[in-house]
Amino acid sequence: NISPACRETANEKRQGGVCLKNKRQAAKKEKQTVPVFFATDDNYLPFLTVTLSSMKKNASKQYAYRVYILHSVLSGEDAEKLMTLSEEDFSIRFVDVSEKVKDIEKFLHLRDYYTAAIYYRLFIVGMFPQYDKALYLDCDTIVLGDIAELYNTDLEDNYIGAISDQAVASVPAFCE
């Protein structure tokens, strides 16, 4: 299992639970926070490691990146590997959404090629009201530039900025 120092449930979140490798951050000058969310299960943890590595490699020193990994069950070994990427301005938190999923699982439409993890992103707004804006990325993304540039994109009056996945849209089974 994930070590208690790196695990956070929805209840702990409301109580201000934190998982930072370096807690000196509070004493430093506030940087603009860039919250980035992922939803995963054990199947996508290796891909998420690549995504986070590319994101960190391109991260600006001007920002504080807060990475939240929404999950219900993860094995400890792979999750601990991800934590090696966590540092002061690139913190990683695991947020267990098991209880939230139980409330809606009878309504979830699942297929053999995707799991309940695809629905975890729907909990972001309700669980993280401290953010007026956040990024959600798929776990199998390569980040080629500073993700803060995407975060700072003016959405004008739109609530969501998104792109369609043309690879998925071209497969008939995914369109059913």
N, C-alpha and C. Protein backbone atom coordinates (compact mmCIF):
# COMPACT_ATOMS: atom_id res chain seq x y z
N ASN A 1 0.82 -1.19 0.00
CA ASN A 1 0.00 0.00 0.00
C ASN A 1 0.86 1.26 0.00
N ILE A 2 0.24 2.39 -0.29
CA ILE A 2 0.93 3.67 -0.31
C ILE A 2 1.26 4.06 1.12
N SER A 3 2.44 4.58 1.34
CA SER A 3 2.83 4.97 2.69
C SER A 3 1.90 6.06 3.19
N PRO A 4 1.57 6.05 4.49
CA PRO A 4 0.65 7.05 5.03
C PRO A 4 1.11 8.49 4.79
N ALA A 5 2.40 8.71 4.69
CA ALA A 5 2.91 10.07 4.47
C ALA A 5 2.54 10.60 3.10
N CYS A 6 2.20 9.72 2.18
CA CYS A 6 1.92 10.14 0.80
C CYS A 6 0.49 9.88 0.37
N ARG A 7 -0.35 9.47 1.30
CA ARG A 7 -1.73 9.13 0.98
C ARG A 7 -2.64 10.21 1.55
N GLU A 8 -3.70 10.48 0.85
CA GLU A 8 -4.63 11.50 1.32
C GLU A 8 -6.03 11.08 0.91
N THR A 9 -6.93 11.05 1.84
CA THR A 9 -8.33 10.75 1.52
C THR A 9 -9.09 12.06 1.41
N ALA A 10 -10.29 11.99 0.92
CA ALA A 10 -11.11 13.19 0.79
C ALA A 10 -11.31 13.84 2.15
N ASN A 11 -11.49 13.04 3.20
CA ASN A 11 -11.68 13.58 4.53
C ASN A 11 -10.42 14.30 5.01
N GLU A 12 -9.25 13.71 4.80
CA GLU A 12 -8.00 14.37 5.19
C GLU A 12 -7.82 15.65 4.42
N LYS A 13 -8.26 15.69 3.17
CA LYS A 13 -8.13 16.90 2.36
C LYS A 13 -8.87 18.05 3.01
N ARG A 14 -10.06 17.77 3.49
CA ARG A 14 -10.84 18.83 4.14
C ARG A 14 -10.17 19.29 5.42
N GLN A 15 -9.39 18.43 6.02
CA GLN A 15 -8.71 18.79 7.25
C GLN A 15 -7.32 19.36 6.98
N GLY A 16 -6.99 19.55 5.72
CA GLY A 16 -5.71 20.16 5.38
C GLY A 16 -4.56 19.19 5.28
N GLY A 17 -4.83 17.91 4.99
CA GLY A 17 -3.76 16.92 4.87
C GLY A 17 -2.79 17.29 3.77
N VAL A 18 -1.50 17.05 4.00
CA VAL A 18 -0.47 17.44 3.04
C VAL A 18 0.54 16.32 2.87
N CYS A 19 1.05 16.15 1.67
CA CYS A 19 2.12 15.21 1.42
C CYS A 19 3.20 15.93 0.63
N LEU A 20 4.13 16.51 1.31
CA LEU A 20 5.25 17.19 0.68
C LEU A 20 6.53 16.55 1.15
N LYS A 21 7.47 16.38 0.25
CA LYS A 21 8.75 15.82 0.62
C LYS A 21 9.54 16.82 1.46
N ASN A 22 9.37 18.09 1.15
CA ASN A 22 10.13 19.13 1.84
C ASN A 22 9.15 20.13 2.43
N LYS A 23 9.00 20.17 3.73
CA LYS A 23 7.99 21.01 4.37
C LYS A 23 8.47 22.43 4.63
N ARG A 24 9.65 22.78 4.17
CA ARG A 24 10.13 24.15 4.32
C ARG A 24 9.39 25.11 3.41
N GLN A 25 8.56 24.58 2.53
CA GLN A 25 7.86 25.40 1.54
C GLN A 25 7.08 26.53 2.18
N ALA A 26 6.44 26.28 3.30
CA ALA A 26 5.59 27.28 3.93
C ALA A 26 6.38 28.54 4.30
N ALA A 27 7.66 28.37 4.58
CA ALA A 27 8.49 29.50 4.98
C ALA A 27 8.96 30.33 3.78
N LYS A 28 8.85 29.78 2.59
CA LYS A 28 9.31 30.48 1.39
C LYS A 28 8.23 31.38 0.81
N LYS A 29 8.64 32.29 -0.05
CA LYS A 29 7.72 33.19 -0.73
C LYS A 29 6.72 32.39 -1.58
N GLU A 30 5.46 32.80 -1.54
CA GLU A 30 4.42 32.12 -2.29
C GLU A 30 4.64 32.26 -3.80
N LYS A 31 4.62 31.15 -4.46
CA LYS A 31 4.67 31.14 -5.92
C LYS A 31 3.26 30.82 -6.40
N GLN A 32 2.95 31.19 -7.64
CA GLN A 32 1.64 30.84 -8.19
C GLN A 32 1.54 29.32 -8.25
N THR A 33 0.44 28.80 -7.76
CA THR A 33 0.21 27.37 -7.75
C THR A 33 -0.43 26.93 -9.05
N VAL A 34 0.09 25.84 -9.60
CA VAL A 34 -0.48 25.22 -10.80
C VAL A 34 -0.96 23.83 -10.39
N PRO A 35 -2.27 23.68 -10.15
CA PRO A 35 -2.79 22.36 -9.77
C PRO A 35 -3.02 21.49 -11.01
N VAL A 36 -2.48 20.28 -10.98
CA VAL A 36 -2.60 19.36 -12.10
C VAL A 36 -3.12 18.03 -11.57
N PHE A 37 -4.18 17.55 -12.17
CA PHE A 37 -4.84 16.33 -11.71
C PHE A 37 -4.69 15.19 -12.71
N PHE A 38 -4.59 13.99 -12.16
CA PHE A 38 -4.57 12.77 -12.93
C PHE A 38 -5.51 11.78 -12.26
N ALA A 39 -6.07 10.86 -13.03
CA ALA A 39 -6.90 9.79 -12.48
C ALA A 39 -6.31 8.49 -13.00
N THR A 40 -6.06 7.56 -12.08
CA THR A 40 -5.39 6.34 -12.53
C THR A 40 -5.73 5.14 -11.67
N ASP A 41 -5.34 4.01 -12.18
CA ASP A 41 -5.31 2.76 -11.43
C ASP A 41 -3.93 2.16 -11.68
N ASP A 42 -3.67 0.98 -11.17
CA ASP A 42 -2.34 0.37 -11.31
C ASP A 42 -1.91 0.21 -12.77
N ASN A 43 -2.87 0.00 -13.67
CA ASN A 43 -2.54 -0.23 -15.07
C ASN A 43 -1.81 0.94 -15.72
N TYR A 44 -2.09 2.16 -15.27
CA TYR A 44 -1.51 3.34 -15.91
C TYR A 44 -0.39 4.00 -15.11
N LEU A 45 -0.03 3.44 -13.97
CA LEU A 45 1.05 4.05 -13.17
C LEU A 45 2.37 4.16 -13.93
N PRO A 46 2.79 3.14 -14.70
CA PRO A 46 4.05 3.31 -15.46
C PRO A 46 3.99 4.48 -16.45
N PHE A 47 2.84 4.67 -17.09
CA PHE A 47 2.69 5.78 -18.03
C PHE A 47 2.70 7.11 -17.28
N LEU A 48 2.05 7.13 -16.12
CA LEU A 48 2.01 8.35 -15.33
C LEU A 48 3.41 8.76 -14.88
N THR A 49 4.26 7.80 -14.61
CA THR A 49 5.64 8.12 -14.24
C THR A 49 6.33 8.86 -15.38
N VAL A 50 6.11 8.44 -16.60
CA VAL A 50 6.70 9.11 -17.76
C VAL A 50 6.10 10.51 -17.92
N THR A 51 4.79 10.62 -17.77
CA THR A 51 4.12 11.92 -17.87
C THR A 51 4.68 12.90 -16.85
N LEU A 52 4.75 12.47 -15.60
CA LEU A 52 5.25 13.36 -14.55
C LEU A 52 6.72 13.70 -14.74
N SER A 53 7.51 12.76 -15.23
CA SER A 53 8.92 13.05 -15.50
C SER A 53 9.06 14.12 -16.57
N SER A 54 8.26 14.02 -17.63
CA SER A 54 8.33 15.02 -18.69
C SER A 54 7.79 16.37 -18.21
N MET A 55 6.77 16.34 -17.39
CA MET A 55 6.22 17.57 -16.85
C MET A 55 7.23 18.27 -15.94
N LYS A 56 7.87 17.50 -15.09
CA LYS A 56 8.86 18.07 -14.16
C LYS A 56 10.07 18.60 -14.91
N LYS A 57 10.50 17.89 -15.93
CA LYS A 57 11.66 18.31 -16.72
C LYS A 57 11.43 19.69 -17.34
N ASN A 58 10.20 19.99 -17.70
CA ASN A 58 9.86 21.25 -18.37
C ASN A 58 9.25 22.29 -17.44
N ALA A 59 9.22 22.01 -16.16
CA ALA A 59 8.59 22.92 -15.19
C ALA A 59 9.46 24.14 -14.95
N SER A 60 8.80 25.28 -14.88
CA SER A 60 9.47 26.55 -14.58
C SER A 60 9.70 26.68 -13.08
N LYS A 61 10.77 27.32 -12.71
CA LYS A 61 11.06 27.59 -11.29
C LYS A 61 10.16 28.69 -10.73
N GLN A 62 9.40 29.35 -11.59
CA GLN A 62 8.52 30.45 -11.17
C GLN A 62 7.22 29.97 -10.53
N TYR A 63 6.91 28.69 -10.65
CA TYR A 63 5.62 28.17 -10.20
C TYR A 63 5.80 27.06 -9.17
N ALA A 64 4.74 26.83 -8.42
CA ALA A 64 4.65 25.70 -7.52
C ALA A 64 3.62 24.74 -8.11
N TYR A 65 4.05 23.59 -8.54
CA TYR A 65 3.17 22.61 -9.17
C TYR A 65 2.64 21.67 -8.09
N ARG A 66 1.32 21.50 -8.08
CA ARG A 66 0.67 20.60 -7.13
C ARG A 66 -0.01 19.50 -7.94
N VAL A 67 0.55 18.34 -7.86
CA VAL A 67 0.05 17.20 -8.62
C VAL A 67 -0.82 16.34 -7.70
N TYR A 68 -2.03 16.08 -8.15
CA TYR A 68 -2.96 15.26 -7.40
C TYR A 68 -3.28 14.02 -8.24
N ILE A 69 -3.08 12.87 -7.65
CA ILE A 69 -3.34 11.61 -8.34
C ILE A 69 -4.56 10.98 -7.68
N LEU A 70 -5.68 11.03 -8.40
CA LEU A 70 -6.93 10.46 -7.92
C LEU A 70 -6.94 8.96 -8.19
N HIS A 71 -7.28 8.18 -7.20
CA HIS A 71 -7.22 6.72 -7.33
C HIS A 71 -8.20 6.08 -6.36
N SER A 72 -8.40 4.77 -6.50
CA SER A 72 -9.14 4.04 -5.49
C SER A 72 -8.25 2.98 -4.85
N VAL A 73 -7.47 2.29 -5.63
CA VAL A 73 -6.54 1.30 -5.08
C VAL A 73 -5.28 1.33 -5.94
N LEU A 74 -4.14 1.51 -5.28
CA LEU A 74 -2.86 1.47 -5.98
C LEU A 74 -1.91 0.59 -5.18
N SER A 75 -1.03 -0.11 -5.91
CA SER A 75 -0.03 -0.91 -5.21
C SER A 75 1.07 0.02 -4.70
N GLY A 76 1.65 -0.32 -3.60
CA GLY A 76 2.64 0.53 -2.96
C GLY A 76 3.90 0.75 -3.76
N GLU A 77 4.44 -0.28 -4.40
CA GLU A 77 5.73 -0.18 -5.07
C GLU A 77 5.74 0.86 -6.19
N ASP A 78 4.80 0.79 -7.09
CA ASP A 78 4.76 1.74 -8.19
C ASP A 78 4.43 3.16 -7.70
N ALA A 79 3.56 3.25 -6.73
CA ALA A 79 3.21 4.56 -6.18
C ALA A 79 4.41 5.19 -5.49
N GLU A 80 5.18 4.39 -4.79
CA GLU A 80 6.39 4.91 -4.11
C GLU A 80 7.41 5.40 -5.13
N LYS A 81 7.50 4.74 -6.27
CA LYS A 81 8.42 5.20 -7.33
C LYS A 81 8.03 6.60 -7.80
N LEU A 82 6.73 6.84 -7.92
CA LEU A 82 6.26 8.17 -8.33
C LEU A 82 6.69 9.24 -7.33
N MET A 83 6.71 8.90 -6.07
CA MET A 83 7.04 9.87 -5.04
C MET A 83 8.49 10.34 -5.12
N THR A 84 9.34 9.62 -5.82
CA THR A 84 10.73 10.08 -5.98
C THR A 84 10.79 11.35 -6.80
N LEU A 85 9.73 11.66 -7.54
CA LEU A 85 9.66 12.89 -8.34
C LEU A 85 9.21 14.08 -7.51
N SER A 86 8.64 13.84 -6.35
CA SER A 86 8.09 14.90 -5.52
C SER A 86 9.20 15.71 -4.85
N GLU A 87 9.03 17.01 -4.89
CA GLU A 87 9.96 17.91 -4.20
C GLU A 87 9.21 19.19 -3.86
N GLU A 88 9.90 20.15 -3.33
CA GLU A 88 9.28 21.35 -2.78
C GLU A 88 8.28 22.02 -3.73
N ASP A 89 8.67 22.34 -4.93
CA ASP A 89 7.78 23.04 -5.86
C ASP A 89 7.16 22.12 -6.91
N PHE A 90 7.23 20.84 -6.64
CA PHE A 90 6.61 19.84 -7.51
C PHE A 90 6.09 18.72 -6.60
N SER A 91 5.07 19.07 -5.82
CA SER A 91 4.56 18.11 -4.84
C SER A 91 3.56 17.16 -5.48
N ILE A 92 3.55 15.95 -4.97
CA ILE A 92 2.66 14.91 -5.46
C ILE A 92 1.85 14.38 -4.29
N ARG A 93 0.53 14.33 -4.48
CA ARG A 93 -0.37 13.80 -3.45
C ARG A 93 -1.25 12.72 -4.08
N PHE A 94 -1.45 11.67 -3.34
CA PHE A 94 -2.39 10.63 -3.74
C PHE A 94 -3.70 10.90 -3.01
N VAL A 95 -4.79 10.93 -3.76
CA VAL A 95 -6.10 11.21 -3.17
C VAL A 95 -7.01 10.01 -3.45
N ASP A 96 -7.38 9.33 -2.40
CA ASP A 96 -8.23 8.15 -2.51
C ASP A 96 -9.69 8.59 -2.68
N VAL A 97 -10.28 8.21 -3.79
CA VAL A 97 -11.67 8.58 -4.08
C VAL A 97 -12.62 7.38 -3.97
N SER A 98 -12.18 6.33 -3.29
CA SER A 98 -12.98 5.10 -3.17
C SER A 98 -14.39 5.35 -2.66
N GLU A 99 -14.50 6.16 -1.63
CA GLU A 99 -15.83 6.42 -1.05
C GLU A 99 -16.72 7.18 -2.03
N LYS A 100 -16.15 8.10 -2.77
CA LYS A 100 -16.93 8.86 -3.76
C LYS A 100 -17.43 7.93 -4.86
N VAL A 101 -16.57 7.00 -5.29
CA VAL A 101 -16.94 6.07 -6.36
C VAL A 101 -18.07 5.15 -5.91
N LYS A 102 -18.03 4.73 -4.67
CA LYS A 102 -19.10 3.85 -4.15
C LYS A 102 -20.47 4.51 -4.29
N ASP A 103 -20.50 5.82 -4.12
CA ASP A 103 -21.77 6.55 -4.20
C ASP A 103 -22.38 6.54 -5.60
N ILE A 104 -21.56 6.39 -6.62
CA ILE A 104 -22.08 6.50 -7.99
C ILE A 104 -21.82 5.27 -8.87
N GLU A 105 -21.15 4.24 -8.35
CA GLU A 105 -20.72 3.15 -9.21
C GLU A 105 -21.85 2.44 -9.96
N LYS A 106 -23.04 2.41 -9.40
CA LYS A 106 -24.14 1.74 -10.11
C LYS A 106 -24.56 2.52 -11.36
N PHE A 107 -24.14 3.79 -11.46
CA PHE A 107 -24.49 4.60 -12.63
C PHE A 107 -23.38 4.64 -13.68
N LEU A 108 -22.23 4.07 -13.37
CA LEU A 108 -21.08 4.17 -14.27
C LEU A 108 -21.20 3.20 -15.44
N HIS A 109 -21.00 3.72 -16.61
CA HIS A 109 -20.98 2.90 -17.82
C HIS A 109 -19.53 2.46 -18.05
N LEU A 110 -19.27 1.17 -17.90
CA LEU A 110 -17.91 0.65 -18.07
C LEU A 110 -17.88 -0.35 -19.20
N ARG A 111 -16.72 -0.46 -19.80
CA ARG A 111 -16.49 -1.44 -20.86
C ARG A 111 -15.22 -2.19 -20.52
N ASP A 112 -14.90 -3.21 -21.28
CA ASP A 112 -13.72 -4.01 -20.97
C ASP A 112 -12.41 -3.24 -21.17
N TYR A 113 -12.43 -2.15 -21.91
CA TYR A 113 -11.20 -1.42 -22.19
C TYR A 113 -11.06 -0.13 -21.39
N TYR A 114 -11.97 0.15 -20.46
CA TYR A 114 -11.74 1.24 -19.52
C TYR A 114 -12.40 0.93 -18.18
N THR A 115 -11.82 1.52 -17.15
CA THR A 115 -12.23 1.24 -15.78
C THR A 115 -12.91 2.47 -15.18
N ALA A 116 -13.32 2.34 -13.94
CA ALA A 116 -13.97 3.45 -13.22
C ALA A 116 -13.04 4.66 -13.11
N ALA A 117 -11.74 4.47 -13.25
CA ALA A 117 -10.78 5.58 -13.12
C ALA A 117 -11.08 6.71 -14.10
N ILE A 118 -11.72 6.43 -15.22
CA ILE A 118 -12.02 7.51 -16.16
C ILE A 118 -13.03 8.51 -15.59
N TYR A 119 -13.76 8.11 -14.56
CA TYR A 119 -14.76 8.99 -13.96
C TYR A 119 -14.21 9.82 -12.80
N TYR A 120 -13.04 9.51 -12.30
CA TYR A 120 -12.50 10.20 -11.13
C TYR A 120 -12.38 11.71 -11.36
N ARG A 121 -12.11 12.12 -12.57
CA ARG A 121 -11.96 13.55 -12.88
C ARG A 121 -13.22 14.35 -12.53
N LEU A 122 -14.36 13.68 -12.50
CA LEU A 122 -15.61 14.37 -12.19
C LEU A 122 -15.65 14.87 -10.74
N PHE A 123 -14.80 14.35 -9.88
CA PHE A 123 -14.78 14.74 -8.47
C PHE A 123 -13.91 15.96 -8.19
N ILE A 124 -13.14 16.40 -9.14
CA ILE A 124 -12.16 17.47 -8.90
C ILE A 124 -12.82 18.73 -8.35
N VAL A 125 -13.84 19.21 -9.01
CA VAL A 125 -14.48 20.48 -8.61
C VAL A 125 -15.00 20.41 -7.18
N GLY A 126 -15.68 19.36 -6.83
CA GLY A 126 -16.26 19.24 -5.50
C GLY A 126 -15.24 18.99 -4.40
N MET A 127 -14.16 18.29 -4.72
CA MET A 127 -13.17 17.95 -3.70
C MET A 127 -12.09 19.02 -3.52
N PHE A 128 -11.95 19.90 -4.50
CA PHE A 128 -10.87 20.89 -4.44
C PHE A 128 -11.42 22.30 -4.70
N PRO A 129 -12.33 22.76 -3.86
CA PRO A 129 -12.94 24.07 -4.09
C PRO A 129 -11.97 25.24 -3.92
N GLN A 130 -10.80 24.98 -3.38
CA GLN A 130 -9.81 26.05 -3.20
C GLN A 130 -9.23 26.52 -4.53
N TYR A 131 -9.46 25.77 -5.59
CA TYR A 131 -8.93 26.16 -6.89
C TYR A 131 -10.03 26.70 -7.79
N ASP A 132 -9.78 27.86 -8.37
CA ASP A 132 -10.70 28.43 -9.35
C ASP A 132 -10.48 27.81 -10.72
N LYS A 133 -9.31 27.21 -10.89
CA LYS A 133 -8.91 26.66 -12.18
C LYS A 133 -7.95 25.53 -11.92
N ALA A 134 -8.01 24.49 -12.76
CA ALA A 134 -7.10 23.36 -12.61
C ALA A 134 -6.92 22.69 -13.97
N LEU A 135 -5.87 21.92 -14.08
CA LEU A 135 -5.63 21.13 -15.28
C LEU A 135 -5.89 19.66 -14.98
N TYR A 136 -6.48 18.98 -15.94
CA TYR A 136 -6.60 17.53 -15.88
C TYR A 136 -5.89 17.00 -17.12
N LEU A 137 -4.97 16.05 -16.91
CA LEU A 137 -4.26 15.43 -18.02
C LEU A 137 -4.43 13.93 -17.95
N ASP A 138 -4.47 13.30 -19.11
CA ASP A 138 -4.44 11.84 -19.14
C ASP A 138 -3.06 11.36 -18.71
N CYS A 139 -3.01 10.17 -18.18
CA CYS A 139 -1.76 9.62 -17.65
C CYS A 139 -0.75 9.23 -18.72
N ASP A 140 -1.18 9.13 -19.95
CA ASP A 140 -0.27 8.72 -21.02
C ASP A 140 0.06 9.89 -21.94
N THR A 141 0.37 11.03 -21.33
CA THR A 141 0.68 12.26 -22.04
C THR A 141 2.16 12.58 -21.87
N ILE A 142 2.79 13.06 -22.92
CA ILE A 142 4.15 13.58 -22.82
C ILE A 142 4.04 15.10 -22.82
N VAL A 143 4.62 15.74 -21.82
CA VAL A 143 4.56 17.19 -21.68
C VAL A 143 5.84 17.76 -22.27
N LEU A 144 5.72 18.51 -23.37
CA LEU A 144 6.88 19.01 -24.10
C LEU A 144 7.28 20.44 -23.74
N GLY A 145 6.47 21.11 -22.95
CA GLY A 145 6.78 22.47 -22.52
C GLY A 145 6.32 22.66 -21.10
N ASP A 146 6.43 23.88 -20.61
CA ASP A 146 5.99 24.17 -19.25
C ASP A 146 4.46 24.12 -19.19
N ILE A 147 3.93 23.23 -18.38
CA ILE A 147 2.48 23.06 -18.28
C ILE A 147 1.81 24.32 -17.74
N ALA A 148 2.56 25.18 -17.08
CA ALA A 148 2.00 26.45 -16.58
C ALA A 148 1.51 27.33 -17.72
N GLU A 149 2.11 27.20 -18.89
CA GLU A 149 1.64 27.97 -20.05
C GLU A 149 0.21 27.57 -20.41
N LEU A 150 -0.07 26.29 -20.38
CA LEU A 150 -1.43 25.83 -20.64
C LEU A 150 -2.36 26.30 -19.53
N TYR A 151 -1.92 26.20 -18.29
CA TYR A 151 -2.71 26.64 -17.15
C TYR A 151 -3.06 28.13 -17.26
N ASN A 152 -2.14 28.92 -17.72
CA ASN A 152 -2.34 30.37 -17.82
C ASN A 152 -3.13 30.80 -19.05
N THR A 153 -3.57 29.87 -19.86
CA THR A 153 -4.40 30.20 -21.02
C THR A 153 -5.72 30.81 -20.55
N ASP A 154 -6.07 31.94 -21.13
CA ASP A 154 -7.32 32.62 -20.79
C ASP A 154 -8.48 31.87 -21.43
N LEU A 155 -9.36 31.34 -20.62
CA LEU A 155 -10.53 30.61 -21.13
C LEU A 155 -11.70 31.54 -21.40
N GLU A 156 -11.51 32.83 -21.17
CA GLU A 156 -12.55 33.82 -21.34
C GLU A 156 -13.77 33.43 -20.52
N ASP A 157 -14.93 33.30 -21.12
CA ASP A 157 -16.15 32.97 -20.37
C ASP A 157 -16.45 31.47 -20.35
N ASN A 158 -15.52 30.66 -20.82
CA ASN A 158 -15.74 29.22 -20.88
C ASN A 158 -15.36 28.55 -19.56
N TYR A 159 -16.11 27.54 -19.20
CA TYR A 159 -15.82 26.79 -17.98
C TYR A 159 -14.75 25.74 -18.21
N ILE A 160 -14.67 25.23 -19.43
CA ILE A 160 -13.75 24.13 -19.75
C ILE A 160 -13.01 24.45 -21.04
N GLY A 161 -11.73 24.14 -21.03
CA GLY A 161 -10.93 24.15 -22.24
C GLY A 161 -10.53 22.71 -22.51
N ALA A 162 -10.84 22.17 -23.67
CA ALA A 162 -10.58 20.76 -23.94
C ALA A 162 -10.30 20.55 -25.42
N ILE A 163 -9.75 19.40 -25.70
CA ILE A 163 -9.56 18.99 -27.10
C ILE A 163 -10.17 17.60 -27.26
N SER A 164 -10.58 17.28 -28.45
CA SER A 164 -11.08 15.93 -28.70
C SER A 164 -9.89 15.04 -29.04
N ASP A 165 -9.98 13.82 -28.64
CA ASP A 165 -8.93 12.84 -28.92
C ASP A 165 -9.26 12.16 -30.24
N GLN A 166 -8.61 12.58 -31.30
CA GLN A 166 -8.93 12.07 -32.63
C GLN A 166 -8.62 10.59 -32.79
N ALA A 167 -7.63 10.10 -32.07
CA ALA A 167 -7.32 8.67 -32.14
C ALA A 167 -8.48 7.85 -31.59
N VAL A 168 -9.06 8.30 -30.48
CA VAL A 168 -10.19 7.61 -29.89
C VAL A 168 -11.43 7.79 -30.78
N ALA A 169 -11.62 8.99 -31.29
CA ALA A 169 -12.81 9.26 -32.11
C ALA A 169 -12.84 8.44 -33.40
N SER A 170 -11.68 7.97 -33.85
CA SER A 170 -11.63 7.19 -35.09
C SER A 170 -11.86 5.70 -34.88
N VAL A 171 -12.02 5.26 -33.65
CA VAL A 171 -12.26 3.84 -33.36
C VAL A 171 -13.74 3.67 -33.04
N PRO A 172 -14.48 2.97 -33.90
CA PRO A 172 -15.92 2.85 -33.72
C PRO A 172 -16.35 2.35 -32.33
N ALA A 173 -15.62 1.42 -31.75
CA ALA A 173 -16.00 0.87 -30.45
C ALA A 173 -16.01 1.93 -29.36
N PHE A 174 -15.14 2.93 -29.48
CA PHE A 174 -15.09 3.99 -28.48
C PHE A 174 -16.23 4.99 -28.65
N CYS A 175 -16.88 4.99 -29.78
CA CYS A 175 -17.96 5.93 -30.06
C CYS A 175 -19.32 5.38 -29.67
N GLU A 176 -19.38 4.15 -29.26
CA GLU A 176 -20.67 3.53 -28.90
C GLU A 176 -21.21 4.08 -27.61
